[in-house]
C-alpha atoms as a PDB file:
ATOM      1  CA  MET A   1     159.097 132.880 219.827  1.00  0.00           C
ATOM      2  CA  THR A   2     158.491 134.807 223.523  1.00  0.00           C
ATOM      3  CA  LEU A   3     156.979 132.237 225.531  1.00  0.00           C
ATOM      4  CA  ASN A   4     155.385 134.258 228.098  1.00  0.00           C
ATOM      5  CA  SER A   5     155.117 138.243 227.123  1.00  0.00           C
ATOM      6  CA  ASN A   6     155.264 139.027 230.919  1.00  0.00           C
ATOM      7  CA  PHE A   7     158.161 136.957 231.396  1.00  0.00           C
ATOM      8  CA  TRP A   8     160.852 139.624 231.224  1.00  0.00           C
ATOM      9  CA  ILE A   9     158.775 142.304 233.463  1.00  0.00           C
ATOM     10  CA  ASP A  10     160.611 143.500 236.741  1.00  0.00           C
ATOM     11  CA  ARG A  11     162.795 140.465 236.382  1.00  0.00           C
ATOM     12  CA  PRO A  12     166.142 141.489 237.938  1.00  0.00           C
ATOM     13  CA  THR A  13     168.527 140.617 235.081  1.00  0.00           C
ATOM     14  CA  LEU A  14     172.354 141.093 235.007  1.00  0.00           C
ATOM     15  CA  VAL A  15     174.122 141.403 231.694  1.00  0.00           C
ATOM     16  CA  THR A  16     178.034 141.154 231.587  1.00  0.00           C
ATOM     17  CA  GLY A  17     179.435 142.732 228.399  1.00  0.00           C
ATOM     18  CA  ALA A  18     177.107 145.315 227.864  1.00  0.00           C
ATOM     19  CA  THR A  19     179.122 147.962 226.199  1.00  0.00           C
ATOM     20  CA  GLY A  20     180.015 145.121 223.284  1.00  0.00           C
ATOM     21  CA  LEU A  21     177.908 144.905 220.081  1.00  0.00           C
ATOM     22  CA  VAL A  22     175.643 142.165 221.154  1.00  0.00           C
ATOM     23  CA  GLY A  23     175.357 143.180 225.058  1.00  0.00           C
ATOM     24  CA  GLY A  24     174.083 146.995 223.770  1.00  0.00           C
ATOM     25  CA  TRP A  25     171.273 145.372 221.843  1.00  0.00           C
ATOM     26  CA  LEU A  26     170.400 142.826 224.399  1.00  0.00           C
ATOM     27  CA  VAL A  27     169.968 145.112 227.035  1.00  0.00           C
ATOM     28  CA  ARG A  28     167.843 147.319 224.459  1.00  0.00           C
ATOM     29  CA  ARG A  29     165.663 144.503 224.377  1.00  0.00           C
ATOM     30  CA  LEU A  30     165.468 143.770 227.980  1.00  0.00           C
ATOM     31  CA  VAL A  31     164.574 147.148 228.802  1.00  0.00           C
ATOM     32  CA  ASP A  32     161.729 147.415 226.210  1.00  0.00           C
ATOM     33  CA  ALA A  33     160.326 144.194 227.694  1.00  0.00           C
ATOM     34  CA  GLY A  34     160.297 145.622 231.027  1.00  0.00           C
ATOM     35  CA  ALA A  35     163.417 144.024 232.911  1.00  0.00           C
ATOM     36  CA  LEU A  36     165.348 145.396 235.740  1.00  0.00           C
ATOM     37  CA  VAL A  37     168.966 145.669 234.356  1.00  0.00           C
ATOM     38  CA  VAL A  38     172.041 145.772 235.651  1.00  0.00           C
ATOM     39  CA  CYS A  39     175.298 146.054 233.652  1.00  0.00           C
ATOM     40  CA  LEU A  40     178.518 144.988 235.049  1.00  0.00           C
ATOM     41  CA  VAL A  41     181.008 147.328 232.883  1.00  0.00           C
ATOM     42  CA  ARG A  42     184.821 147.117 233.295  1.00  0.00           C
ATOM     43  CA  ASP A  43     186.065 150.200 230.835  1.00  0.00           C
ATOM     44  CA  TRP A  44     183.900 153.119 230.022  1.00  0.00           C
ATOM     45  CA  SER A  45     183.523 153.189 226.208  1.00  0.00           C
ATOM     46  CA  PRO A  46     182.174 156.674 225.571  1.00  0.00           C
ATOM     47  CA  GLN A  47     181.025 155.315 221.834  1.00  0.00           C
ATOM     48  CA  ALA A  48     178.997 151.922 222.801  1.00  0.00           C
ATOM     49  CA  THR A  49     175.917 151.848 222.047  1.00  0.00           C
ATOM     50  CA  VAL A  50     174.361 150.873 225.585  1.00  0.00           C
ATOM     51  CA  LEU A  51     176.074 153.978 226.760  1.00  0.00           C
ATOM     52  CA  GLN A  52     174.877 156.326 224.042  1.00  0.00           C
ATOM     53  CA  SER A  53     171.369 155.266 224.347  1.00  0.00           C
ATOM     54  CA  PRO A  54     168.465 156.815 225.847  1.00  0.00           C
ATOM     55  CA  TRP A  55     167.138 153.551 227.731  1.00  0.00           C
ATOM     56  CA  ILE A  56     170.304 153.907 229.612  1.00  0.00           C
ATOM     57  CA  GLU A  57     169.019 155.816 232.513  1.00  0.00           C
ATOM     58  CA  ARG A  58     166.338 152.719 233.177  1.00  0.00           C
ATOM     59  CA  VAL A  59     169.733 150.580 233.749  1.00  0.00           C
ATOM     60  CA  SER A  60     172.035 150.501 236.743  1.00  0.00           C
ATOM     61  CA  ILE A  61     175.691 150.322 235.985  1.00  0.00           C
ATOM     62  CA  VAL A  62     178.260 148.564 238.269  1.00  0.00           C
ATOM     63  CA  ARG A  63     181.945 149.474 237.438  1.00  0.00           C
ATOM     64  CA  GLY A  64     184.359 146.041 237.635  1.00  0.00           C
ATOM     65  CA  ASP A  65     185.900 143.262 236.143  1.00  0.00           C
ATOM     66  CA  ILE A  66     184.297 139.771 235.690  1.00  0.00           C
ATOM     67  CA  ARG A  67     187.239 138.331 237.085  1.00  0.00           C
ATOM     68  CA  ASP A  68     186.591 139.791 240.141  1.00  0.00           C
ATOM     69  CA  GLN A  69     184.428 137.068 241.966  1.00  0.00           C
ATOM     70  CA  ALA A  70     183.472 138.935 245.035  1.00  0.00           C
ATOM     71  CA  LEU A  71     182.340 141.920 243.228  1.00  0.00           C
ATOM     72  CA  ALA A  72     180.015 139.735 241.111  1.00  0.00           C
ATOM     73  CA  GLU A  73     178.783 137.749 244.544  1.00  0.00           C
ATOM     74  CA  ARG A  74     177.665 141.293 245.621  1.00  0.00           C
ATOM     75  CA  VAL A  75     176.434 142.593 242.730  1.00  0.00           C
ATOM     76  CA  LEU A  76     174.324 139.028 242.441  1.00  0.00           C
ATOM     77  CA  GLY A  77     173.245 139.782 246.390  1.00  0.00           C
ATOM     78  CA  GLU A  78     172.458 143.370 246.584  1.00  0.00           C
ATOM     79  CA  TYR A  79     170.491 143.590 243.273  1.00  0.00           C
ATOM     80  CA  GLU A  80     168.900 140.155 243.764  1.00  0.00           C
ATOM     81  CA  ILE A  81     169.247 138.836 240.345  1.00  0.00           C
ATOM     82  CA  ASP A  82     167.409 136.191 238.936  1.00  0.00           C
ATOM     83  CA  THR A  83     168.817 135.857 235.489  1.00  0.00           C
ATOM     84  CA  VAL A  84     172.267 136.416 234.434  1.00  0.00           C
ATOM     85  CA  MET A  85     173.536 137.071 230.595  1.00  0.00           C
ATOM     86  CA  HIS A  86     177.013 136.660 230.672  1.00  0.00           C
ATOM     87  CA  LEU A  87     178.493 138.105 227.558  1.00  0.00           C
ATOM     88  CA  ALA A  88     181.823 139.239 228.530  1.00  0.00           C
ATOM     89  CA  ALA A  89     184.687 138.476 226.671  1.00  0.00           C
ATOM     90  CA  GLN A  90     187.682 139.575 224.781  1.00  0.00           C
ATOM     91  CA  ALA A  91     186.079 139.045 221.361  1.00  0.00           C
ATOM     92  CA  ILE A  92     188.660 139.856 218.692  1.00  0.00           C
ATOM     93  CA  VAL A  93     190.700 136.826 217.414  1.00  0.00           C
ATOM     94  CA  GLY A  94     193.788 139.595 216.432  1.00  0.00           C
ATOM     95  CA  VAL A  95     194.069 140.433 219.792  1.00  0.00           C
ATOM     96  CA  ALA A  96     194.177 136.942 220.802  1.00  0.00           C
ATOM     97  CA  ASN A  97     196.861 136.063 218.853  1.00  0.00           C
ATOM     98  CA  ARG A  98     198.990 139.280 219.968  1.00  0.00           C
ATOM     99  CA  ASN A  99     197.750 139.072 223.506  1.00  0.00           C
ATOM    100  CA  PRO A 100     196.767 135.542 224.501  1.00  0.00           C
ATOM    101  CA  ILE A 101     197.194 135.822 228.218  1.00  0.00           C
ATOM    102  CA  SER A 102     194.627 138.680 228.431  1.00  0.00           C
ATOM    103  CA  THR A 103     192.298 136.544 226.625  1.00  0.00           C
ATOM    104  CA  PHE A 104     192.576 133.729 228.473  1.00  0.00           C
ATOM    105  CA  GLU A 105     192.293 135.936 231.747  1.00  0.00           C
ATOM    106  CA  SER A 106     189.316 137.505 230.434  1.00  0.00           C
ATOM    107  CA  ASN A 107     187.363 134.764 228.671  1.00  0.00           C
ATOM    108  CA  ILE A 108     188.191 131.463 230.760  1.00  0.00           C
ATOM    109  CA  ALA A 109     188.747 133.090 234.437  1.00  0.00           C
ATOM    110  CA  GLY A 110     186.080 135.529 233.485  1.00  0.00           C
ATOM    111  CA  ALA A 111     183.736 132.515 233.285  1.00  0.00           C
ATOM    112  CA  TRP A 112     184.578 130.561 236.094  1.00  0.00           C
ATOM    113  CA  SER A 113     184.409 133.784 238.320  1.00  0.00           C
ATOM    114  CA  ILE A 114     180.610 134.243 236.892  1.00  0.00           C
ATOM    115  CA  LEU A 115     179.653 130.961 237.574  1.00  0.00           C
ATOM    116  CA  GLU A 116     181.404 130.501 241.081  1.00  0.00           C
ATOM    117  CA  ALA A 117     179.522 133.547 242.165  1.00  0.00           C
ATOM    118  CA  CYS A 118     176.208 132.533 240.709  1.00  0.00           C
ATOM    119  CA  ARG A 119     176.801 128.971 242.464  1.00  0.00           C
ATOM    120  CA  ARG A 120     177.046 131.014 245.513  1.00  0.00           C
ATOM    121  CA  SER A 121     173.934 132.933 245.046  1.00  0.00           C
ATOM    122  CA  PRO A 122     170.295 131.307 245.440  1.00  0.00           C
ATOM    123  CA  ARG A 123     168.563 133.539 243.815  1.00  0.00           C
ATOM    124  CA  VAL A 124     169.903 133.047 240.527  1.00  0.00           C
ATOM    125  CA  ARG A 125     167.752 131.074 238.637  1.00  0.00           C
ATOM    126  CA  GLN A 126     168.590 130.991 234.630  1.00  0.00           C
ATOM    127  CA  ILE A 127     172.091 131.896 233.354  1.00  0.00           C
ATOM    128  CA  VAL A 128     172.854 132.297 229.752  1.00  0.00           C
ATOM    129  CA  THR A 129     176.581 132.308 228.672  1.00  0.00           C
ATOM    130  CA  ALA A 130     177.941 133.237 225.182  1.00  0.00           C
ATOM    131  CA  SER A 131     180.221 130.782 223.650  1.00  0.00           C
ATOM    132  CA  SER A 132     180.965 130.900 220.170  1.00  0.00           C
ATOM    133  CA  ASP A 133     181.389 128.636 216.887  1.00  0.00           C
ATOM    134  CA  LYS A 134     184.935 129.135 217.345  1.00  0.00           C
ATOM    135  CA  ALA A 135     184.648 126.955 220.502  1.00  0.00           C
ATOM    136  CA  TYR A 136     184.638 124.048 217.968  1.00  0.00           C
ATOM    137  CA  GLY A 137     187.858 124.668 216.483  1.00  0.00           C
ATOM    138  CA  GLU A 138     188.536 123.506 212.803  1.00  0.00           C
ATOM    139  CA  SER A 139     186.582 120.099 211.734  1.00  0.00           C
ATOM    140  CA  ALA A 140     186.297 118.102 208.758  1.00  0.00           C
ATOM    141  CA  ALA A 141     182.583 117.494 209.324  1.00  0.00           C
ATOM    142  CA  LEU A 142     180.191 120.548 208.449  1.00  0.00           C
ATOM    143  CA  PRO A 143     178.036 122.113 209.601  1.00  0.00           C
ATOM    144  CA  TYR A 144     178.991 121.957 213.378  1.00  0.00           C
ATOM    145  CA  THR A 145     175.938 120.777 215.387  1.00  0.00           C
ATOM    146  CA  GLU A 146     176.179 120.487 218.977  1.00  0.00           C
ATOM    147  CA  ALA A 147     177.562 117.253 218.849  1.00  0.00           C
ATOM    148  CA  THR A 148     180.792 118.469 217.261  1.00  0.00           C
ATOM    149  CA  PRO A 149     183.965 118.125 219.681  1.00  0.00           C
ATOM    150  CA  LEU A 150     184.736 121.342 221.139  1.00  0.00           C
ATOM    151  CA  ALA A 151     188.696 121.355 220.098  1.00  0.00           C
ATOM    152  CA  GLY A 152     189.985 124.907 219.311  1.00  0.00           C
ATOM    153  CA  LYS A 153     193.924 125.389 218.723  1.00  0.00           C
ATOM    154  CA  HIS A 154     194.513 128.936 218.414  1.00  0.00           C
ATOM    155  CA  PRO A 155     194.481 131.438 221.501  1.00  0.00           C
ATOM    156  CA  TYR A 156     190.802 132.863 220.787  1.00  0.00           C
ATOM    157  CA  ASP A 157     189.633 129.259 219.799  1.00  0.00           C
ATOM    158  CA  VAL A 158     190.957 127.571 223.257  1.00  0.00           C
ATOM    159  CA  SER A 159     189.571 130.441 225.279  1.00  0.00           C
ATOM    160  CA  LYS A 160     185.805 129.492 223.748  1.00  0.00           C
ATOM    161  CA  SER A 161     186.124 126.057 223.878  1.00  0.00           C
ATOM    162  CA  CYS A 162     187.542 126.323 227.714  1.00  0.00           C
ATOM    163  CA  ALA A 163     184.862 128.603 229.139  1.00  0.00           C
ATOM    164  CA  ASP A 164     182.399 126.508 227.162  1.00  0.00           C
ATOM    165  CA  LEU A 165     183.433 123.508 228.789  1.00  0.00           C
ATOM    166  CA  ILE A 166     183.546 125.119 232.425  1.00  0.00           C
ATOM    167  CA  ALA A 167     179.806 126.126 232.047  1.00  0.00           C
ATOM    168  CA  ARG A 168     179.054 122.312 231.235  1.00  0.00           C
ATOM    169  CA  ALA A 169     180.903 121.346 234.129  1.00  0.00           C
ATOM    170  CA  TYR A 170     179.306 123.568 236.634  1.00  0.00           C
ATOM    171  CA  ALA A 171     175.857 122.592 235.282  1.00  0.00           C
ATOM    172  CA  VAL A 172     176.738 118.639 235.565  1.00  0.00           C
ATOM    173  CA  SER A 173     178.414 119.262 238.915  1.00  0.00           C
ATOM    174  CA  TYR A 174     176.628 121.564 240.747  1.00  0.00           C
ATOM    175  CA  GLU A 175     173.261 121.715 238.674  1.00  0.00           C
ATOM    176  CA  LEU A 176     173.829 124.838 237.989  1.00  0.00           C
ATOM    177  CA  PRO A 177     170.805 126.467 235.841  1.00  0.00           C
ATOM    178  CA  VAL A 178     173.317 127.662 232.880  1.00  0.00           C
ATOM    179  CA  ALA A 179     172.884 127.303 229.159  1.00  0.00           C
ATOM    180  CA  ILE A 180     175.284 127.946 226.157  1.00  0.00           C
ATOM    181  CA  THR A 181     174.740 129.590 223.179  1.00  0.00           C
ATOM    182  CA  ARG A 182     176.978 129.316 220.136  1.00  0.00           C
ATOM    183  CA  CYS A 183     176.699 131.475 217.232  1.00  0.00           C
ATOM    184  CA  GLY A 184     178.612 132.582 214.039  1.00  0.00           C
ATOM    185  CA  ASN A 185     180.147 135.783 213.384  1.00  0.00           C
ATOM    186  CA  PHE A 186     177.895 138.912 214.683  1.00  0.00           C
ATOM    187  CA  TYR A 187     177.443 142.033 212.610  1.00  0.00           C
ATOM    188  CA  GLY A 188     175.342 145.252 213.221  1.00  0.00           C
ATOM    189  CA  GLY A 189     175.212 148.689 213.847  1.00  0.00           C
ATOM    190  CA  GLY A 190     177.208 149.486 217.107  1.00  0.00           C
ATOM    191  CA  ASP A 191     180.079 147.471 216.371  1.00  0.00           C
ATOM    192  CA  LEU A 192     183.169 149.767 216.499  1.00  0.00           C
ATOM    193  CA  ASN A 193     185.891 147.287 215.639  1.00  0.00           C
ATOM    194  CA  TRP A 194     186.824 148.360 212.365  1.00  0.00           C
ATOM    195  CA  ASN A 195     188.880 145.498 211.380  1.00  0.00           C
ATOM    196  CA  ARG A 196     185.962 143.589 211.321  1.00  0.00           C
ATOM    197  CA  ILE A 197     184.748 143.052 207.622  1.00  0.00           C
ATOM    198  CA  VAL A 198     181.447 144.513 207.699  1.00  0.00           C
ATOM    199  CA  PRO A 199     181.790 147.771 209.550  1.00  0.00           C
ATOM    200  CA  GLY A 200     185.347 148.206 208.146  1.00  0.00           C
ATOM    201  CA  THR A 201     183.630 147.678 204.439  1.00  0.00           C
ATOM    202  CA  ILE A 202     180.501 149.980 205.143  1.00  0.00           C
ATOM    203  CA  ARG A 203     183.034 152.862 206.687  1.00  0.00           C
ATOM    204  CA  SER A 204     185.389 152.678 203.761  1.00  0.00           C
ATOM    205  CA  VAL A 205     182.262 152.811 201.398  1.00  0.00           C
ATOM    206  CA  LEU A 206     181.236 156.197 203.285  1.00  0.00           C
ATOM    207  CA  ARG A 207     184.572 157.392 203.030  1.00  0.00           C
ATOM    208  CA  GLY A 208     184.825 156.829 199.578  1.00  0.00           C
ATOM    209  CA  LYS A 209     187.809 154.564 200.025  1.00  0.00           C
ATOM    210  CA  GLU A 210     188.820 151.320 198.689  1.00  0.00           C
ATOM    211  CA  PRO A 211     187.421 148.305 201.343  1.00  0.00           C
ATOM    212  CA  LEU A 212     190.164 145.817 202.640  1.00  0.00           C
ATOM    213  CA  ILE A 213     190.182 142.344 203.234  1.00  0.00           C
ATOM    214  CA  ARG A 214     192.780 141.482 205.339  1.00  0.00           C
ATOM    215  CA  SER A 215     192.333 137.506 204.545  1.00  0.00           C
ATOM    216  CA  ASP A 216     192.557 136.017 200.849  1.00  0.00           C
ATOM    217  CA  GLY A 217     188.787 136.812 200.868  1.00  0.00           C
ATOM    218  CA  GLN A 218     187.981 132.708 200.867  1.00  0.00           C
ATOM    219  CA  TYR A 219     187.252 132.065 204.539  1.00  0.00           C
ATOM    220  CA  VAL A 220     183.532 130.790 205.117  1.00  0.00           C
ATOM    221  CA  ARG A 221     181.521 132.065 208.121  1.00  0.00           C
ATOM    222  CA  ASP A 222     178.228 132.227 209.339  1.00  0.00           C
ATOM    223  CA  TYR A 223     177.003 135.903 209.458  1.00  0.00           C
ATOM    224  CA  PHE A 224     174.505 136.542 212.121  1.00  0.00           C
ATOM    225  CA  TYR A 225     172.501 139.955 212.544  1.00  0.00           C
ATOM    226  CA  VAL A 226     173.177 141.202 216.293  1.00  0.00           C
ATOM    227  CA  GLU A 227     169.086 141.917 216.705  1.00  0.00           C
ATOM    228  CA  ASP A 228     168.597 138.005 216.049  1.00  0.00           C
ATOM    229  CA  GLY A 229     171.575 137.463 218.374  1.00  0.00           C
ATOM    230  CA  ALA A 230     169.863 139.288 221.284  1.00  0.00           C
ATOM    231  CA  ALA A 231     166.680 137.650 220.634  1.00  0.00           C
ATOM    232  CA  ALA A 232     168.068 134.094 220.837  1.00  0.00           C
ATOM    233  CA  TYR A 233     169.505 134.710 224.184  1.00  0.00           C
ATOM    234  CA  MET A 234     166.246 136.078 225.601  1.00  0.00           C
ATOM    235  CA  THR A 235     164.387 133.163 223.953  1.00  0.00           C
ATOM    236  CA  LEU A 236     166.859 130.649 225.453  1.00  0.00           C
ATOM    237  CA  ALA A 237     166.724 132.130 229.165  1.00  0.00           C
ATOM    238  CA  GLU A 238     162.751 132.030 228.808  1.00  0.00           C
ATOM    239  CA  HIS A 239     163.110 128.105 228.003  1.00  0.00           C
ATOM    240  CA  LEU A 240     165.477 127.601 230.475  1.00  0.00           C
ATOM    241  CA  ALA A 241     163.197 129.046 233.053  1.00  0.00           C
ATOM    242  CA  ALA A 242     160.557 126.855 231.775  1.00  0.00           C
ATOM    243  CA  ARG A 243     162.173 123.584 231.258  1.00  0.00           C
ATOM    244  CA  PRO A 244     164.856 122.468 233.601  1.00  0.00           C
ATOM    245  CA  GLU A 245     165.932 119.931 231.819  1.00  0.00           C
ATOM    246  CA  LEU A 246     167.601 122.145 229.281  1.00  0.00           C
ATOM    247  CA  ARG A 247     170.530 122.524 231.995  1.00  0.00           C
ATOM    248  CA  GLY A 248     173.690 122.441 230.485  1.00  0.00           C
ATOM    249  CA  GLU A 249     172.580 122.289 226.957  1.00  0.00           C
ATOM    250  CA  ALA A 250     174.341 124.171 224.262  1.00  0.00           C
ATOM    251  CA  PHE A 251     172.654 125.434 220.987  1.00  0.00           C
ATOM    252  CA  ASN A 252     173.802 126.813 218.025  1.00  0.00           C
ATOM    253  CA  PHE A 253     172.068 129.807 216.475  1.00  0.00           C
ATOM    254  CA  SER A 254     172.583 130.589 212.858  1.00  0.00           C
ATOM    255  CA  ASN A 255     170.797 131.848 209.436  1.00  0.00           C
ATOM    256  CA  GLU A 256     172.497 128.801 208.019  1.00  0.00           C
ATOM    257  CA  ASN A 257     174.112 130.615 205.199  1.00  0.00           C
ATOM    258  CA  GLN A 258     177.647 129.903 204.616  1.00  0.00           C
ATOM    259  CA  LEU A 259     179.337 132.697 203.151  1.00  0.00           C
ATOM    260  CA  THR A 260     183.012 133.638 202.025  1.00  0.00           C
ATOM    261  CA  VAL A 261     184.335 137.115 203.178  1.00  0.00           C
ATOM    262  CA  CYS A 262     184.107 138.185 199.285  1.00  0.00           C
ATOM    263  CA  GLN A 263     180.371 137.287 199.129  1.00  0.00           C
ATOM    264  CA  VAL A 264     180.144 139.443 202.436  1.00  0.00           C
ATOM    265  CA  VAL A 265     181.724 142.406 200.944  1.00  0.00           C
ATOM    266  CA  GLU A 266     180.282 141.910 197.664  1.00  0.00           C
ATOM    267  CA  ALA A 267     176.793 141.945 199.473  1.00  0.00           C
ATOM    268  CA  VAL A 268     177.779 145.231 201.800  1.00  0.00           C
ATOM    269  CA  LEU A 269     178.638 146.732 198.024  1.00  0.00           C
ATOM    270  CA  ARG A 270     175.576 146.047 196.267  1.00  0.00           C
ATOM    271  CA  CYS A 271     173.118 146.823 199.268  1.00  0.00           C
ATOM    272  CA  MET A 272     175.096 150.589 199.240  1.00  0.00           C
ATOM    273  CA  GLN A 273     175.123 150.989 195.428  1.00  0.00           C
ATOM    274  CA  SER A 274     178.946 151.351 195.404  1.00  0.00           C
ATOM    275  CA  GLN A 275     181.328 150.582 192.577  1.00  0.00           C
ATOM    276  CA  LEU A 276     184.345 150.365 194.844  1.00  0.00           C
ATOM    277  CA  GLN A 277     186.230 147.233 194.489  1.00  0.00           C
ATOM    278  CA  PRO A 278     187.911 145.667 197.680  1.00  0.00           C
ATOM    279  CA  ARG A 279     191.935 145.258 198.110  1.00  0.00           C
ATOM    280  CA  ILE A 280     192.771 141.770 199.484  1.00  0.00           C
ATOM    281  CA  LEU A 281     195.570 142.208 201.907  1.00  0.00           C
ATOM    282  CA  ASN A 282     195.888 138.311 202.451  1.00  0.00           C
ATOM    283  CA  GLU A 283     197.581 138.534 206.204  1.00  0.00           C
ATOM    284  CA  ALA A 284     195.133 136.833 208.364  1.00  0.00           C
ATOM    285  CA  THR A 285     196.855 134.097 210.566  1.00  0.00           C
ATOM    286  CA  ASN A 286     196.029 131.515 212.875  1.00  0.00           C
ATOM    287  CA  GLU A 287     192.224 131.471 211.755  1.00  0.00           C
ATOM    288  CA  ILE A 288     189.900 128.419 211.143  1.00  0.00           C
ATOM    289  CA  ARG A 289     189.485 128.228 206.891  1.00  0.00           C
ATOM    290  CA  ARG A 290     186.050 127.111 207.111  1.00  0.00           C
ATOM    291  CA  GLN A 291     183.221 127.493 209.686  1.00  0.00           C
ATOM    292  CA  PHE A 292     179.400 127.407 209.734  1.00  0.00           C
ATOM    293  CA  LEU A 293     176.479 126.097 212.008  1.00  0.00           C
ATOM    294  CA  SER A 294     173.744 123.916 211.870  1.00  0.00           C
ATOM    295  CA  ALA A 295     170.571 125.575 214.040  1.00  0.00           C
ATOM    296  CA  ALA A 296     168.406 122.245 213.576  1.00  0.00           C
ATOM    297  CA  LYS A 297     168.502 122.082 217.111  1.00  0.00           C
ATOM    298  CA  ALA A 298     167.393 125.616 217.986  1.00  0.00           C
ATOM    299  CA  ARG A 299     164.739 125.328 215.686  1.00  0.00           C
ATOM    300  CA  SER A 300     163.245 121.937 216.925  1.00  0.00           C
ATOM    301  CA  VAL A 301     163.754 122.433 220.668  1.00  0.00           C
ATOM    302  CA  LEU A 302     163.112 126.070 221.305  1.00  0.00           C
ATOM    303  CA  GLY A 303     160.894 126.693 217.898  1.00  0.00           C
ATOM    304  CA  TRP A 304     163.787 129.711 217.232  1.00  0.00           C
ATOM    305  CA  CYS A 305     163.915 131.067 213.878  1.00  0.00           C
ATOM    306  CA  PRO A 306     165.941 134.450 212.459  1.00  0.00           C
ATOM    307  CA  MET A 307     163.901 137.338 211.926  1.00  0.00           C
ATOM    308  CA  PHE A 308     166.387 139.155 209.312  1.00  0.00           C
ATOM    309  CA  SER A 309     167.826 137.714 205.993  1.00  0.00           C
ATOM    310  CA  LEU A 310     171.410 138.843 205.489  1.00  0.00           C
ATOM    311  CA  ASP A 311     170.162 141.829 203.167  1.00  0.00           C
ATOM    312  CA  GLU A 312     167.658 142.912 205.700  1.00  0.00           C
ATOM    313  CA  GLY A 313     170.069 142.957 208.362  1.00  0.00           C
ATOM    314  CA  LEU A 314     172.877 144.800 206.273  1.00  0.00           C
ATOM    315  CA  GLN A 315     170.318 147.517 205.260  1.00  0.00           C
ATOM    316  CA  ALA A 316     169.729 148.190 209.083  1.00  0.00           C
ATOM    317  CA  THR A 317     173.418 147.954 209.952  1.00  0.00           C
ATOM    318  CA  ILE A 318     174.304 150.415 206.770  1.00  0.00           C
ATOM    319  CA  ARG A 319     171.513 152.954 208.225  1.00  0.00           C
ATOM    320  CA  TRP A 320     172.959 152.700 211.601  1.00  0.00           C
ATOM    321  CA  TYR A 321     176.351 153.608 210.164  1.00  0.00           C
ATOM    322  CA  GLU A 322     175.106 156.339 207.864  1.00  0.00           C
ATOM    323  CA  GLN A 323     174.130 157.988 210.884  1.00  0.00           C
ATOM    324  CA  PHE A 324     176.832 157.185 213.071  1.00  0.00           C
ATOM    325  CA  LEU A 325     179.438 158.317 210.869  1.00  0.00           C
ATOM    326  CA  GLU A 326     178.180 160.814 208.458  1.00  0.00           C
ATOM    327  CA  GLY A 327     174.535 161.805 208.526  1.00  0.00           C
ATOM    328  CA  PRO A 328     172.800 162.167 205.387  1.00  0.00           C
ATOM    329  CA  SER A 329     175.618 163.576 203.626  1.00  0.00           C
ATOM    330  CA  CYS A 330     176.806 160.020 203.104  1.00  0.00           C
ATOM    331  CA  ALA A 331     174.504 159.011 200.361  1.00  0.00           C
ATOM    332  CA  THR A 332     176.086 161.852 198.022  1.00  0.00           C
ATOM    333  CA  LEU A 333     179.217 160.496 198.827  1.00  0.00           C
ATOM    334  CA  ARG A 334     178.619 156.948 198.303  1.00  0.00           C
ATOM    335  CA  ARG A 335     177.234 157.534 195.064  1.00  0.00           C
ATOM    336  CA  ALA A 336     179.801 159.068 193.492  1.00  0.00           C
ATOM    337  CA  SER A 337     182.160 156.426 194.958  1.00  0.00           C
END
């Protein structure tokens, strides 16, 4: 999928949201590709993958909030940023339901602050901003394509719909070189939000406890491995640099497998050879019942395809948590469960 193996070498690249799940893996891939990476970090999270990795010594860290437009302009100017990867967001649906204003501030105001800073920074040549399948809201027509209207209803969904539309407005009105990614539910090593189904299930099995499903288990989603996500963002940036006509375009990225929560838990249990049975809490609220994406546009326009199947992604994810949570002893505990 790489257009030019030298594209990232010595390229000054800003990553927002680097301490998040996808951001950490994206920084790693960028460093490996030779980019000069600058990370804008709000909260110092000691357990974040990006901060615990040896390659963090090759990254410049700026402390600050994405809503601080003056700070963003300073970073873009002083580091002579060429490419911006904007991933920073409040990404937990439950948190958005409890704290809508902080979610709107991070996800909507953060988006326009970064984009306006880019508009005022002439050295910026490519911007990839992360939206979500949640931006589509709930639709009877599935799978979602990029032509599906953005129609969020609940706080998190609305925040992603708004940020997505703001990015489109900057592309159309100001010819800002921005493109948009819309992905499903990410999973992978480094996700420490234990209320998410994949890390929560893996930790439960490693602890010998029954996994908890907070919904009724029948919500349908795309599940997208984090390394595929990081590679997709880089692929889109490379195409945007070579093809300015992609300005303002959005792309779905997905394995195009539609799975219920129960099916994902069953897949994790199978990969971990566990006999534990999940407990269904049926407590989820303000969440869309069925969501899944078509990635046909990414395949045809970008020549993109995922590198990992569900089982391959889950196996890699399980290995990461085994090392992070327990070390070698976890395998013995798992077999006993």
